Amino acid sequence: MTAARKSVLRAAALTLGAAGAVLIASPTPAVADPLPPGCTTADMTAVMSGISAAMSAYLMSHPDVNNFFTGLQGQPKTAVRDQTEAYLNANPNVRADLDAIRQPSRDFRTRCNLPQRALILADL
């Protein structure tokens, strides 16, 4: 399973889990502020699936980048973080490409007033 696919599944699980926790924890119905247009869970899932497809296409067409990230599997998180940081610093074009692929997620979160996820380097 690719890292991008894992991220999509994790985002969907977190969203659904958070929604379930709110429903369980609220004994009385709460009136939430209406969501801005295009900010539903389905919208987020559509954005994330687009990012997954773009990431997959990028990695398939850049075997060197794919090999680098594939080689990180099974390593401790701190090693993954350090190696990823070094790789992206040494390959600024790859960093720019990956940032561009992930930009729709940032745009969605900004438009929908959701907190921005930390960069992958900070998540580790």
PDB file of N, CA and C in Angstrom:
ATOM      1  N   MET A   1       0.862  -1.166   0.000  1.00  0.00           N
ATOM      2  CA  MET A   1       0.000   0.000   0.000  1.00  0.00           C
ATOM      3  C   MET A   1       0.910   1.230   0.000  1.00  0.00           C
ATOM      4  N   THR A   2       0.622   2.171  -0.899  1.00  0.00           N
ATOM      5  CA  THR A   2       1.469   3.351  -0.998  1.00  0.00           C
ATOM      6  C   THR A   2       1.228   4.286   0.170  1.00  0.00           C
ATOM      7  N   ALA A   3       2.219   5.136   0.408  1.00  0.00           N
ATOM      8  CA  ALA A   3       2.097   6.113   1.490  1.00  0.00           C
ATOM      9  C   ALA A   3       0.927   7.041   1.222  1.00  0.00           C
ATOM     10  N   ALA A   4       0.743   7.420  -0.051  1.00  0.00           N
ATOM     11  CA  ALA A   4      -0.369   8.312  -0.379  1.00  0.00           C
ATOM     12  C   ALA A   4      -1.705   7.633  -0.094  1.00  0.00           C
ATOM     13  N   ARG A   5      -1.806   6.341  -0.431  1.00  0.00           N
ATOM     14  CA  ARG A   5      -3.059   5.612  -0.180  1.00  0.00           C
ATOM     15  C   ARG A   5      -3.299   5.500   1.320  1.00  0.00           C
ATOM     16  N   LYS A   6      -2.223   5.238   2.073  1.00  0.00           N
ATOM     17  CA  LYS A   6      -2.362   5.170   3.521  1.00  0.00           C
ATOM     18  C   LYS A   6      -2.832   6.503   4.074  1.00  0.00           C
ATOM     19  N   SER A   7      -2.320   7.604   3.503  1.00  0.00           N
ATOM     20  CA  SER A   7      -2.730   8.930   3.968  1.00  0.00           C
ATOM     21  C   SER A   7      -4.210   9.167   3.703  1.00  0.00           C
ATOM     22  N   VAL A   8      -4.673   8.739   2.530  1.00  0.00           N
ATOM     23  CA  VAL A   8      -6.094   8.911   2.194  1.00  0.00           C
ATOM     24  C   VAL A   8      -6.957   8.105   3.164  1.00  0.00           C
ATOM     25  N   LEU A   9      -6.560   6.849   3.371  1.00  0.00           N
ATOM     26  CA  LEU A   9      -7.344   6.012   4.282  1.00  0.00           C
ATOM     27  C   LEU A   9      -7.313   6.560   5.702  1.00  0.00           C
ATOM     28  N   ARG A  10      -6.151   7.054   6.118  1.00  0.00           N
ATOM     29  CA  ARG A  10      -6.026   7.628   7.458  1.00  0.00           C
ATOM     30  C   ARG A  10      -6.911   8.873   7.585  1.00  0.00           C
ATOM     31  N   ALA A  11      -6.913   9.728   6.546  1.00  0.00           N
ATOM     32  CA  ALA A  11      -7.727  10.941   6.595  1.00  0.00           C
ATOM     33  C   ALA A  11      -9.212  10.594   6.668  1.00  0.00           C
ATOM     34  N   ALA A  12      -9.626   9.611   5.863  1.00  0.00           N
ATOM     35  CA  ALA A  12     -11.035   9.206   5.889  1.00  0.00           C
ATOM     36  C   ALA A  12     -11.402   8.610   7.247  1.00  0.00           C
ATOM     37  N   ALA A  13     -10.520   7.770   7.783  1.00  0.00           N
ATOM     38  CA  ALA A  13     -10.792   7.148   9.087  1.00  0.00           C
ATOM     39  C   ALA A  13     -10.852   8.191  10.187  1.00  0.00           C
ATOM     40  N   LEU A  14      -9.933   9.153  10.150  1.00  0.00           N
ATOM     41  CA  LEU A  14      -9.942  10.202  11.169  1.00  0.00           C
ATOM     42  C   LEU A  14     -11.215  11.040  11.080  1.00  0.00           C
ATOM     43  N   THR A  15     -11.621  11.347   9.856  1.00  0.00           N
ATOM     44  CA  THR A  15     -12.824  12.144   9.670  1.00  0.00           C
ATOM     45  C   THR A  15     -14.048  11.399  10.181  1.00  0.00           C
ATOM     46  N   LEU A  16     -14.170  10.141   9.783  1.00  0.00           N
ATOM     47  CA  LEU A  16     -15.324   9.359  10.214  1.00  0.00           C
ATOM     48  C   LEU A  16     -15.274   9.093  11.716  1.00  0.00           C
ATOM     49  N   GLY A  17     -14.076   8.837  12.238  1.00  0.00           N
ATOM     50  CA  GLY A  17     -13.927   8.607  13.671  1.00  0.00           C
ATOM     51  C   GLY A  17     -14.274   9.840  14.480  1.00  0.00           C
ATOM     52  N   ALA A  18     -13.824  11.001  14.010  1.00  0.00           N
ATOM     53  CA  ALA A  18     -14.132  12.250  14.708  1.00  0.00           C
ATOM     54  C   ALA A  18     -15.638  12.521  14.675  1.00  0.00           C
ATOM     55  N   ALA A  19     -16.248  12.259  13.526  1.00  0.00           N
ATOM     56  CA  ALA A  19     -17.693  12.473  13.429  1.00  0.00           C
ATOM     57  C   ALA A  19     -18.426  11.541  14.388  1.00  0.00           C
ATOM     58  N   GLY A  20     -17.997  10.281  14.468  1.00  0.00           N
ATOM     59  CA  GLY A  20     -18.621   9.330  15.384  1.00  0.00           C
ATOM     60  C   GLY A  20     -18.428   9.728  16.831  1.00  0.00           C
ATOM     61  N   ALA A  21     -17.246  10.222  17.167  1.00  0.00           N
ATOM     62  CA  ALA A  21     -16.969  10.647  18.541  1.00  0.00           C
ATOM     63  C   ALA A  21     -17.866  11.817  18.933  1.00  0.00           C
ATOM     64  N   VAL A  22     -18.091  12.720  18.014  1.00  0.00           N
ATOM     65  CA  VAL A  22     -18.964  13.856  18.304  1.00  0.00           C
ATOM     66  C   VAL A  22     -20.389  13.373  18.537  1.00  0.00           C
ATOM     67  N   LEU A  23     -20.841  12.437  17.715  1.00  0.00           N
ATOM     68  CA  LEU A  23     -22.200  11.929  17.870  1.00  0.00           C
ATOM     69  C   LEU A  23     -22.372  11.195  19.197  1.00  0.00           C
ATOM     70  N   ILE A  24     -21.381  10.421  19.569  1.00  0.00           N
ATOM     71  CA  ILE A  24     -21.463   9.655  20.813  1.00  0.00           C
ATOM     72  C   ILE A  24     -21.332  10.560  22.028  1.00  0.00           C
ATOM     73  N   ALA A  25     -20.470  11.554  21.963  1.00  0.00           N
ATOM     74  CA  ALA A  25     -20.178  12.404  23.114  1.00  0.00           C
ATOM     75  C   ALA A  25     -21.238  13.486  23.339  1.00  0.00           C
ATOM     76  N   SER A  26     -22.093  13.722  22.383  1.00  0.00           N
ATOM     77  CA  SER A  26     -23.084  14.787  22.510  1.00  0.00           C
ATOM     78  C   SER A  26     -24.442  14.219  22.882  1.00  0.00           C
ATOM     79  N   PRO A  27     -24.850  14.361  24.155  1.00  0.00           N
ATOM     80  CA  PRO A  27     -26.144  13.829  24.551  1.00  0.00           C
ATOM     81  C   PRO A  27     -27.303  14.625  23.954  1.00  0.00           C
ATOM     82  N   THR A  28     -27.090  15.900  23.681  1.00  0.00           N
ATOM     83  CA  THR A  28     -28.121  16.705  23.043  1.00  0.00           C
ATOM     84  C   THR A  28     -27.621  17.138  21.682  1.00  0.00           C
ATOM     85  N   PRO A  29     -28.512  17.259  20.737  1.00  0.00           N
ATOM     86  CA  PRO A  29     -28.067  17.649  19.404  1.00  0.00           C
ATOM     87  C   PRO A  29     -27.458  19.051  19.432  1.00  0.00           C
ATOM     88  N   ALA A  30     -26.325  19.174  18.820  1.00  0.00           N
ATOM     89  CA  ALA A  30     -25.653  20.465  18.725  1.00  0.00           C
ATOM     90  C   ALA A  30     -25.928  21.048  17.348  1.00  0.00           C
ATOM     91  N   VAL A  31     -26.084  22.330  17.307  1.00  0.00           N
ATOM     92  CA  VAL A  31     -26.292  23.007  16.041  1.00  0.00           C
ATOM     93  C   VAL A  31     -24.931  23.523  15.590  1.00  0.00           C
ATOM     94  N   ALA A  32     -24.432  22.934  14.530  1.00  0.00           N
ATOM     95  CA  ALA A  32     -23.116  23.318  14.022  1.00  0.00           C
ATOM     96  C   ALA A  32     -23.270  24.443  13.015  1.00  0.00           C
ATOM     97  N   ASP A  33     -22.209  25.204  12.897  1.00  0.00           N
ATOM     98  CA  ASP A  33     -22.190  26.216  11.849  1.00  0.00           C
ATOM     99  C   ASP A  33     -22.269  25.483  10.518  1.00  0.00           C
ATOM    100  N   PRO A  34     -22.991  26.048   9.575  1.00  0.00           N
ATOM    101  CA  PRO A  34     -23.080  25.375   8.276  1.00  0.00           C
ATOM    102  C   PRO A  34     -21.702  25.330   7.609  1.00  0.00           C
ATOM    103  N   LEU A  35     -21.456  24.218   6.946  1.00  0.00           N
ATOM    104  CA  LEU A  35     -20.195  24.068   6.228  1.00  0.00           C
ATOM    105  C   LEU A  35     -20.196  24.961   4.990  1.00  0.00           C
ATOM    106  N   PRO A  36     -19.046  25.512   4.658  1.00  0.00           N
ATOM    107  CA  PRO A  36     -18.966  26.225   3.384  1.00  0.00           C
ATOM    108  C   PRO A  36     -19.265  25.246   2.249  1.00  0.00           C
ATOM    109  N   PRO A  37     -19.722  25.732   1.122  1.00  0.00           N
ATOM    110  CA  PRO A  37     -19.992  24.833  -0.011  1.00  0.00           C
ATOM    111  C   PRO A  37     -18.744  24.044  -0.389  1.00  0.00           C
ATOM    112  N   GLY A  38     -18.934  22.778  -0.704  1.00  0.00           N
ATOM    113  CA  GLY A  38     -17.827  21.939  -1.136  1.00  0.00           C
ATOM    114  C   GLY A  38     -16.931  21.463  -0.018  1.00  0.00           C
ATOM    115  N   CYS A  39     -17.446  21.411   1.210  1.00  0.00           N
ATOM    116  CA  CYS A  39     -16.619  21.024   2.364  1.00  0.00           C
ATOM    117  C   CYS A  39     -17.136  19.784   3.078  1.00  0.00           C
ATOM    118  N   THR A  40     -17.828  18.928   2.371  1.00  0.00           N
ATOM    119  CA  THR A  40     -18.339  17.709   2.990  1.00  0.00           C
ATOM    120  C   THR A  40     -17.252  16.641   3.027  1.00  0.00           C
ATOM    121  N   THR A  41     -17.537  15.567   3.719  1.00  0.00           N
ATOM    122  CA  THR A  41     -16.611  14.442   3.755  1.00  0.00           C
ATOM    123  C   THR A  41     -16.414  13.877   2.352  1.00  0.00           C
ATOM    124  N   ALA A  42     -17.485  13.840   1.576  1.00  0.00           N
ATOM    125  CA  ALA A  42     -17.365  13.365   0.190  1.00  0.00           C
ATOM    126  C   ALA A  42     -16.434  14.267  -0.615  1.00  0.00           C
ATOM    127  N   ASP A  43     -16.539  15.576  -0.401  1.00  0.00           N
ATOM    128  CA  ASP A  43     -15.650  16.507  -1.104  1.00  0.00           C
ATOM    129  C   ASP A  43     -14.190  16.269  -0.715  1.00  0.00           C
ATOM    130  N   MET A  44     -13.966  16.083   0.599  1.00  0.00           N
ATOM    131  CA  MET A  44     -12.604  15.840   1.056  1.00  0.00           C
ATOM    132  C   MET A  44     -12.065  14.536   0.470  1.00  0.00           C
ATOM    133  N   THR A  45     -12.895  13.507   0.445  1.00  0.00           N
ATOM    134  CA  THR A  45     -12.472  12.228  -0.105  1.00  0.00           C
ATOM    135  C   THR A  45     -12.147  12.354  -1.586  1.00  0.00           C
ATOM    136  N   ALA A  46     -12.923  13.135  -2.318  1.00  0.00           N
ATOM    137  CA  ALA A  46     -12.648  13.360  -3.738  1.00  0.00           C
ATOM    138  C   ALA A  46     -11.307  14.065  -3.927  1.00  0.00           C
ATOM    139  N   VAL A  47     -11.033  15.068  -3.100  1.00  0.00           N
ATOM    140  CA  VAL A  47      -9.755  15.775  -3.186  1.00  0.00           C
ATOM    141  C   VAL A  47      -8.611  14.807  -2.894  1.00  0.00           C
ATOM    142  N   MET A  48      -8.751  14.022  -1.823  1.00  0.00           N
ATOM    143  CA  MET A  48      -7.679  13.119  -1.439  1.00  0.00           C
ATOM    144  C   MET A  48      -7.470  12.003  -2.472  1.00  0.00           C
ATOM    145  N   SER A  49      -8.547  11.546  -3.103  1.00  0.00           N
ATOM    146  CA  SER A  49      -8.369  10.517  -4.128  1.00  0.00           C
ATOM    147  C   SER A  49      -7.656  11.090  -5.344  1.00  0.00           C
ATOM    148  N   GLY A  50      -7.911  12.355  -5.659  1.00  0.00           N
ATOM    149  CA  GLY A  50      -7.177  13.011  -6.736  1.00  0.00           C
ATOM    150  C   GLY A  50      -5.696  13.124  -6.418  1.00  0.00           C
ATOM    151  N   ILE A  51      -5.400  13.441  -5.165  1.00  0.00           N
ATOM    152  CA  ILE A  51      -4.004  13.533  -4.731  1.00  0.00           C
ATOM    153  C   ILE A  51      -3.349  12.152  -4.806  1.00  0.00           C
ATOM    154  N   SER A  52      -4.061  11.128  -4.385  1.00  0.00           N
ATOM    155  CA  SER A  52      -3.517   9.767  -4.452  1.00  0.00           C
ATOM    156  C   SER A  52      -3.223   9.365  -5.892  1.00  0.00           C
ATOM    157  N   ALA A  53      -4.142   9.666  -6.793  1.00  0.00           N
ATOM    158  CA  ALA A  53      -3.936   9.325  -8.203  1.00  0.00           C
ATOM    159  C   ALA A  53      -2.738  10.084  -8.773  1.00  0.00           C
ATOM    160  N   ALA A  54      -2.635  11.370  -8.436  1.00  0.00           N
ATOM    161  CA  ALA A  54      -1.508  12.169  -8.929  1.00  0.00           C
ATOM    162  C   ALA A  54      -0.189  11.672  -8.350  1.00  0.00           C
ATOM    163  N   MET A  55      -0.194  11.310  -7.074  1.00  0.00           N
ATOM    164  CA  MET A  55       1.031  10.814  -6.442  1.00  0.00           C
ATOM    165  C   MET A  55       1.447   9.487  -7.067  1.00  0.00           C
ATOM    166  N   SER A  56       0.486   8.614  -7.307  1.00  0.00           N
ATOM    167  CA  SER A  56       0.779   7.335  -7.934  1.00  0.00           C
ATOM    168  C   SER A  56       1.378   7.544  -9.323  1.00  0.00           C
ATOM    169  N   ALA A  57       0.763   8.405 -10.118  1.00  0.00           N
ATOM    170  CA  ALA A  57       1.276   8.682 -11.468  1.00  0.00           C
ATOM    171  C   ALA A  57       2.682   9.273 -11.401  1.00  0.00           C
ATOM    172  N   TYR A  58       2.913  10.167 -10.448  1.00  0.00           N
ATOM    173  CA  TYR A  58       4.229  10.786 -10.298  1.00  0.00           C
ATOM    174  C   TYR A  58       5.275   9.730  -9.957  1.00  0.00           C
ATOM    175  N   LEU A  59       4.975   8.897  -8.969  1.00  0.00           N
ATOM    176  CA  LEU A  59       5.943   7.884  -8.556  1.00  0.00           C
ATOM    177  C   LEU A  59       6.207   6.860  -9.653  1.00  0.00           C
ATOM    178  N   MET A  60       5.175   6.503 -10.396  1.00  0.00           N
ATOM    179  CA  MET A  60       5.362   5.562 -11.508  1.00  0.00           C
ATOM    180  C   MET A  60       6.239   6.166 -12.607  1.00  0.00           C
ATOM    181  N   SER A  61       6.122   7.457 -12.807  1.00  0.00           N
ATOM    182  CA  SER A  61       6.897   8.110 -13.869  1.00  0.00           C
ATOM    183  C   SER A  61       8.250   8.641 -13.380  1.00  0.00           C
ATOM    184  N   HIS A  62       8.522   8.503 -12.092  1.00  0.00           N
ATOM    185  CA  HIS A  62       9.806   8.903 -11.503  1.00  0.00           C
ATOM    186  C   HIS A  62      10.340   7.741 -10.667  1.00  0.00           C
ATOM    187  N   PRO A  63      10.869   6.705 -11.333  1.00  0.00           N
ATOM    188  CA  PRO A  63      11.283   5.508 -10.599  1.00  0.00           C
ATOM    189  C   PRO A  63      12.344   5.775  -9.537  1.00  0.00           C
ATOM    190  N   ASP A  64      13.180   6.779  -9.739  1.00  0.00           N
ATOM    191  CA  ASP A  64      14.191   7.085  -8.728  1.00  0.00           C
ATOM    192  C   ASP A  64      13.544   7.557  -7.430  1.00  0.00           C
ATOM    193  N   VAL A  65      12.513   8.395  -7.548  1.00  0.00           N
ATOM    194  CA  VAL A  65      11.801   8.880  -6.361  1.00  0.00           C
ATOM    195  C   VAL A  65      11.020   7.728  -5.727  1.00  0.00           C
ATOM    196  N   ASN A  66      10.363   6.941  -6.560  1.00  0.00           N
ATOM    197  CA  ASN A  66       9.616   5.779  -6.075  1.00  0.00           C
ATOM    198  C   ASN A  66      10.548   4.823  -5.326  1.00  0.00           C
ATOM    199  N   ASN A  67      11.717   4.571  -5.886  1.00  0.00           N
ATOM    200  CA  ASN A  67      12.677   3.670  -5.230  1.00  0.00           C
ATOM    201  C   ASN A  67      13.146   4.237  -3.898  1.00  0.00           C
ATOM    202  N   PHE A  68      13.372   5.548  -3.851  1.00  0.00           N
ATOM    203  CA  PHE A  68      13.797   6.148  -2.587  1.00  0.00           C
ATOM    204  C   PHE A  68      12.745   5.920  -1.511  1.00  0.00           C
ATOM    205  N   PHE A  69      11.486   6.304  -1.794  1.00  0.00           N
ATOM    206  CA  PHE A  69      10.437   6.180  -0.782  1.00  0.00           C
ATOM    207  C   PHE A  69      10.120   4.720  -0.463  1.00  0.00           C
ATOM    208  N   THR A  70      10.195   3.847  -1.460  1.00  0.00           N
ATOM    209  CA  THR A  70       9.977   2.427  -1.207  1.00  0.00           C
ATOM    210  C   THR A  70      11.050   1.883  -0.267  1.00  0.00           C
ATOM    211  N   GLY A  71      12.259   2.363  -0.415  1.00  0.00           N
ATOM    212  CA  GLY A  71      13.359   1.925   0.434  1.00  0.00           C
ATOM    213  C   GLY A  71      13.228   2.335   1.890  1.00  0.00           C
ATOM    214  N   LEU A  72      12.339   3.251   2.186  1.00  0.00           N
ATOM    215  CA  LEU A  72      12.136   3.695   3.564  1.00  0.00           C
ATOM    216  C   LEU A  72      11.216   2.775   4.358  1.00  0.00           C
ATOM    217  N   GLN A  73      10.492   1.914   3.665  1.00  0.00           N
ATOM    218  CA  GLN A  73       9.518   1.058   4.335  1.00  0.00           C
ATOM    219  C   GLN A  73      10.199   0.177   5.371  1.00  0.00           C
ATOM    220  N   GLY A  74       9.587   0.113   6.541  1.00  0.00           N
ATOM    221  CA  GLY A  74      10.076  -0.732   7.608  1.00  0.00           C
ATOM    222  C   GLY A  74      11.132  -0.095   8.493  1.00  0.00           C
ATOM    223  N   GLN A  75      11.562   1.105   8.151  1.00  0.00           N
ATOM    224  CA  GLN A  75      12.572   1.783   8.963  1.00  0.00           C
ATOM    225  C   GLN A  75      11.900   2.552  10.100  1.00  0.00           C
ATOM    226  N   PRO A  76      12.639   2.833  11.165  1.00  0.00           N
ATOM    227  CA  PRO A  76      12.079   3.643  12.259  1.00  0.00           C
ATOM    228  C   PRO A  76      11.674   5.032  11.757  1.00  0.00           C
ATOM    229  N   LYS A  77      10.650   5.591  12.369  1.00  0.00           N
ATOM    230  CA  LYS A  77      10.129   6.888  11.933  1.00  0.00           C
ATOM    231  C   LYS A  77      11.192   7.980  11.932  1.00  0.00           C
ATOM    232  N   THR A  78      12.066   7.968  12.912  1.00  0.00           N
ATOM    233  CA  THR A  78      13.099   9.008  12.952  1.00  0.00           C
ATOM    234  C   THR A  78      14.054   8.867  11.770  1.00  0.00           C
ATOM    235  N   ALA A  79      14.382   7.644  11.386  1.00  0.00           N
ATOM    236  CA  ALA A  79      15.244   7.425  10.223  1.00  0.00           C
ATOM    237  C   ALA A  79      14.536   7.863   8.948  1.00  0.00           C
ATOM    238  N   VAL A  80      13.241   7.555   8.852  1.00  0.00           N
ATOM    239  CA  VAL A  80      12.459   7.968   7.685  1.00  0.00           C
ATOM    240  C   VAL A  80      12.451   9.491   7.589  1.00  0.00           C
ATOM    241  N   ARG A  81      12.211  10.154   8.721  1.00  0.00           N
ATOM    242  CA  ARG A  81      12.178  11.613   8.730  1.00  0.00           C
ATOM    243  C   ARG A  81      13.516  12.195   8.285  1.00  0.00           C
ATOM    244  N   ASP A  82      14.583  11.711   8.881  1.00  0.00           N
ATOM    245  CA  ASP A  82      15.906  12.250   8.575  1.00  0.00           C
ATOM    246  C   ASP A  82      16.290  12.004   7.118  1.00  0.00           C
ATOM    247  N   GLN A  83      16.050  10.796   6.630  1.00  0.00           N
ATOM    248  CA  GLN A  83      16.400  10.477   5.247  1.00  0.00           C
ATOM    249  C   GLN A  83      15.528  11.241   4.252  1.00  0.00           C
ATOM    250  N   THR A  84      14.244  11.394   4.579  1.00  0.00           N
ATOM    251  CA  THR A  84      13.349  12.139   3.699  1.00  0.00           C
ATOM    252  C   THR A  84      13.761  13.600   3.642  1.00  0.00           C
ATOM    253  N   GLU A  85      14.058  14.177   4.788  1.00  0.00           N
ATOM    254  CA  GLU A  85      14.486  15.567   4.829  1.00  0.00           C
ATOM    255  C   GLU A  85      15.757  15.767   4.008  1.00  0.00           C
ATOM    256  N   ALA A  86      16.728  14.888   4.180  1.00  0.00           N
ATOM    257  CA  ALA A  86      17.981  14.992   3.425  1.00  0.00           C
ATOM    258  C   ALA A  86      17.726  14.832   1.923  1.00  0.00           C
ATOM    259  N   TYR A  87      16.881  13.873   1.558  1.00  0.00           N
ATOM    260  CA  TYR A  87      16.580  13.627   0.144  1.00  0.00           C
ATOM    261  C   TYR A  87      15.893  14.830  -0.492  1.00  0.00           C
ATOM    262  N   LEU A  88      14.896  15.376   0.190  1.00  0.00           N
ATOM    263  CA  LEU A  88      14.170  16.519  -0.373  1.00  0.00           C
ATOM    264  C   LEU A  88      15.029  17.771  -0.406  1.00  0.00           C
ATOM    265  N   ASN A  89      15.922  17.936   0.562  1.00  0.00           N
ATOM    266  CA  ASN A  89      16.849  19.069   0.527  1.00  0.00           C
ATOM    267  C   ASN A  89      17.816  18.947  -0.642  1.00  0.00           C
ATOM    268  N   ALA A  90      18.239  17.729  -0.944  1.00  0.00           N
ATOM    269  CA  ALA A  90      19.164  17.489  -2.049  1.00  0.00           C
ATOM    270  C   ALA A  90      18.455  17.493  -3.408  1.00  0.00           C
ATOM    271  N   ASN A  91      17.127  17.378  -3.387  1.00  0.00           N
ATOM    272  CA  ASN A  91      16.330  17.305  -4.622  1.00  0.00           C
ATOM    273  C   ASN A  91      15.171  18.297  -4.556  1.00  0.00           C
ATOM    274  N   PRO A  92      15.474  19.592  -4.645  1.00  0.00           N
ATOM    275  CA  PRO A  92      14.405  20.594  -4.497  1.00  0.00           C
ATOM    276  C   PRO A  92      13.311  20.492  -5.555  1.00  0.00           C
ATOM    277  N   ASN A  93      13.624  19.976  -6.720  1.00  0.00           N
ATOM    278  CA  ASN A  93      12.580  19.810  -7.741  1.00  0.00           C
ATOM    279  C   ASN A  93      11.570  18.750  -7.317  1.00  0.00           C
ATOM    280  N   VAL A  94      12.053  17.692  -6.681  1.00  0.00           N
ATOM    281  CA  VAL A  94      11.144  16.651  -6.179  1.00  0.00           C
ATOM    282  C   VAL A  94      10.263  17.245  -5.085  1.00  0.00           C
ATOM    283  N   ARG A  95      10.865  18.020  -4.180  1.00  0.00           N
ATOM    284  CA  ARG A  95      10.078  18.663  -3.120  1.00  0.00           C
ATOM    285  C   ARG A  95       8.992  19.541  -3.733  1.00  0.00           C
ATOM    286  N   ALA A  96       9.354  20.338  -4.730  1.00  0.00           N
ATOM    287  CA  ALA A  96       8.376  21.228  -5.376  1.00  0.00           C
ATOM    288  C   ALA A  96       7.266  20.419  -6.049  1.00  0.00           C
ATOM    289  N   ASP A  97       7.644  19.321  -6.707  1.00  0.00           N
ATOM    290  CA  ASP A  97       6.633  18.469  -7.351  1.00  0.00           C
ATOM    291  C   ASP A  97       5.666  17.888  -6.329  1.00  0.00           C
ATOM    292  N   LEU A  98       6.199  17.362  -5.224  1.00  0.00           N
ATOM    293  CA  LEU A  98       5.346  16.755  -4.198  1.00  0.00           C
ATOM    294  C   LEU A  98       4.474  17.805  -3.510  1.00  0.00           C
ATOM    295  N   ASP A  99       5.032  18.979  -3.278  1.00  0.00           N
ATOM    296  CA  ASP A  99       4.235  20.069  -2.699  1.00  0.00           C
ATOM    297  C   ASP A  99       3.085  20.439  -3.626  1.00  0.00           C
ATOM    298  N   ALA A 100       3.362  20.485  -4.930  1.00  0.00           N
ATOM    299  CA  ALA A 100       2.319  20.824  -5.904  1.00  0.00           C
ATOM    300  C   ALA A 100       1.225  19.761  -5.932  1.00  0.00           C
ATOM    301  N   ILE A 101       1.614  18.496  -5.821  1.00  0.00           N
ATOM    302  CA  ILE A 101       0.630  17.413  -5.808  1.00  0.00           C
ATOM    303  C   ILE A 101      -0.267  17.532  -4.579  1.00  0.00           C
ATOM    304  N   ARG A 102       0.318  17.902  -3.440  1.00  0.00           N
ATOM    305  CA  ARG A 102      -0.450  17.997  -2.195  1.00  0.00           C
ATOM    306  C   ARG A 102      -1.197  19.325  -2.037  1.00  0.00           C
ATOM    307  N   GLN A 103      -0.962  20.288  -2.917  1.00  0.00           N
ATOM    308  CA  GLN A 103      -1.576  21.616  -2.787  1.00  0.00           C
ATOM    309  C   GLN A 103      -3.107  21.582  -2.713  1.00  0.00           C
ATOM    310  N   PRO A 104      -3.794  20.726  -3.479  1.00  0.00           N
ATOM    311  CA  PRO A 104      -5.261  20.697  -3.354  1.00  0.00           C
ATOM    312  C   PRO A 104      -5.740  20.409  -1.933  1.00  0.00           C
ATOM    313  N   SER A 105      -4.995  19.628  -1.171  1.00  0.00           N
ATOM    314  CA  SER A 105      -5.366  19.364   0.219  1.00  0.00           C
ATOM    315  C   SER A 105      -5.250  20.635   1.044  1.00  0.00           C
ATOM    316  N   ARG A 106      -4.181  21.377   0.844  1.00  0.00           N
ATOM    317  CA  ARG A 106      -4.010  22.643   1.571  1.00  0.00           C
ATOM    318  C   ARG A 106      -5.133  23.621   1.197  1.00  0.00           C
ATOM    319  N   ASP A 107      -5.435  23.689  -0.093  1.00  0.00           N
ATOM    320  CA  ASP A 107      -6.495  24.592  -0.554  1.00  0.00           C
ATOM    321  C   ASP A 107      -7.841  24.205   0.063  1.00  0.00           C
ATOM    322  N   PHE A 108      -8.142  22.915   0.085  1.00  0.00           N
ATOM    323  CA  PHE A 108      -9.393  22.430   0.670  1.00  0.00           C
ATOM    324  C   PHE A 108      -9.470  22.809   2.143  1.00  0.00           C
ATOM    325  N   ARG A 109      -8.403  22.557   2.872  1.00  0.00           N
ATOM    326  CA  ARG A 109      -8.398  22.846   4.308  1.00  0.00           C
ATOM    327  C   ARG A 109      -8.534  24.344   4.576  1.00  0.00           C
ATOM    328  N   THR A 110      -7.917  25.151   3.757  1.00  0.00           N
ATOM    329  CA  THR A 110      -8.047  26.602   3.922  1.00  0.00           C
ATOM    330  C   THR A 110      -9.479  27.036   3.630  1.00  0.00           C
ATOM    331  N   ARG A 111     -10.026  26.579   2.511  1.00  0.00           N
ATOM    332  CA  ARG A 111     -11.384  26.953   2.110  1.00  0.00           C
ATOM    333  C   ARG A 111     -12.423  26.493   3.125  1.00  0.00           C
ATOM    334  N   CYS A 112     -12.185  25.342   3.737  1.00  0.00           N
ATOM    335  CA  CYS A 112     -13.168  24.755   4.646  1.00  0.00           C
ATOM    336  C   CYS A 112     -12.850  25.031   6.114  1.00  0.00           C
ATOM    337  N   ASN A 113     -11.902  25.909   6.363  1.00  0.00           N
ATOM    338  CA  ASN A 113     -11.532  26.295   7.733  1.00  0.00           C
ATOM    339  C   ASN A 113     -11.123  25.095   8.585  1.00  0.00           C
ATOM    340  N   LEU A 114     -10.359  24.200   8.014  1.00  0.00           N
ATOM    341  CA  LEU A 114      -9.844  23.041   8.735  1.00  0.00           C
ATOM    342  C   LEU A 114      -8.375  23.288   9.052  1.00  0.00           C
ATOM    343  N   PRO A 115      -7.894  22.764  10.166  1.00  0.00           N
ATOM    344  CA  PRO A 115      -6.467  22.965  10.477  1.00  0.00           C
ATOM    345  C   PRO A 115      -5.591  22.298   9.438  1.00  0.00           C
ATOM    346  N   GLN A 116      -4.501  22.938   9.113  1.00  0.00           N
ATOM    347  CA  GLN A 116      -3.560  22.366   8.146  1.00  0.00           C
ATOM    348  C   GLN A 116      -2.799  21.245   8.825  1.00  0.00           C
ATOM    349  N   ARG A 117      -2.664  20.152   8.134  1.00  0.00           N
ATOM    350  CA  ARG A 117      -1.821  19.056   8.643  1.00  0.00           C
ATOM    351  C   ARG A 117      -0.380  19.500   8.550  1.00  0.00           C
ATOM    352  N   ALA A 118       0.393  19.058   9.480  1.00  0.00           N
ATOM    353  CA  ALA A 118       1.818  19.362   9.447  1.00  0.00           C
ATOM    354  C   ALA A 118       2.458  18.650   8.264  1.00  0.00           C
ATOM    355  N   LEU A 119       3.575  19.169   7.823  1.00  0.00           N
ATOM    356  CA  LEU A 119       4.316  18.486   6.767  1.00  0.00           C
ATOM    357  C   LEU A 119       4.666  17.091   7.224  1.00  0.00           C
ATOM    358  N   ILE A 120       4.837  16.197   6.272  1.00  0.00           N
ATOM    359  CA  ILE A 120       5.139  14.813   6.625  1.00  0.00           C
ATOM    360  C   ILE A 120       6.365  14.733   7.513  1.00  0.00           C
ATOM    361  N   LEU A 121       7.311  15.624   7.330  1.00  0.00           N
ATOM    362  CA  LEU A 121       8.517  15.581   8.155  1.00  0.00           C
ATOM    363  C   LEU A 121       8.177  15.855   9.614  1.00  0.00           C
ATOM    364  N   ALA A 122       7.201  16.712   9.852  1.00  0.00           N
ATOM    365  CA  ALA A 122       6.825  17.035  11.229  1.00  0.00           C
ATOM    366  C   ALA A 122       5.928  15.948  11.825  1.00  0.00           C
ATOM    367  N   ASP A 123       5.225  15.184  10.978  1.00  0.00           N
ATOM    368  CA  ASP A 123       4.349  14.111  11.468  1.00  0.00           C
ATOM    369  C   ASP A 123       5.133  12.948  12.047  1.00  0.00           C
ATOM    370  N   LEU A 124       6.359  12.807  11.647  1.00  0.00           N
ATOM    371  CA  LEU A 124       7.134  11.657  12.078  1.00  0.00           C
ATOM    372  C   LEU A 124       7.754  11.974  13.372  1.00  0.00           C
TER     373      LEU A 124
END
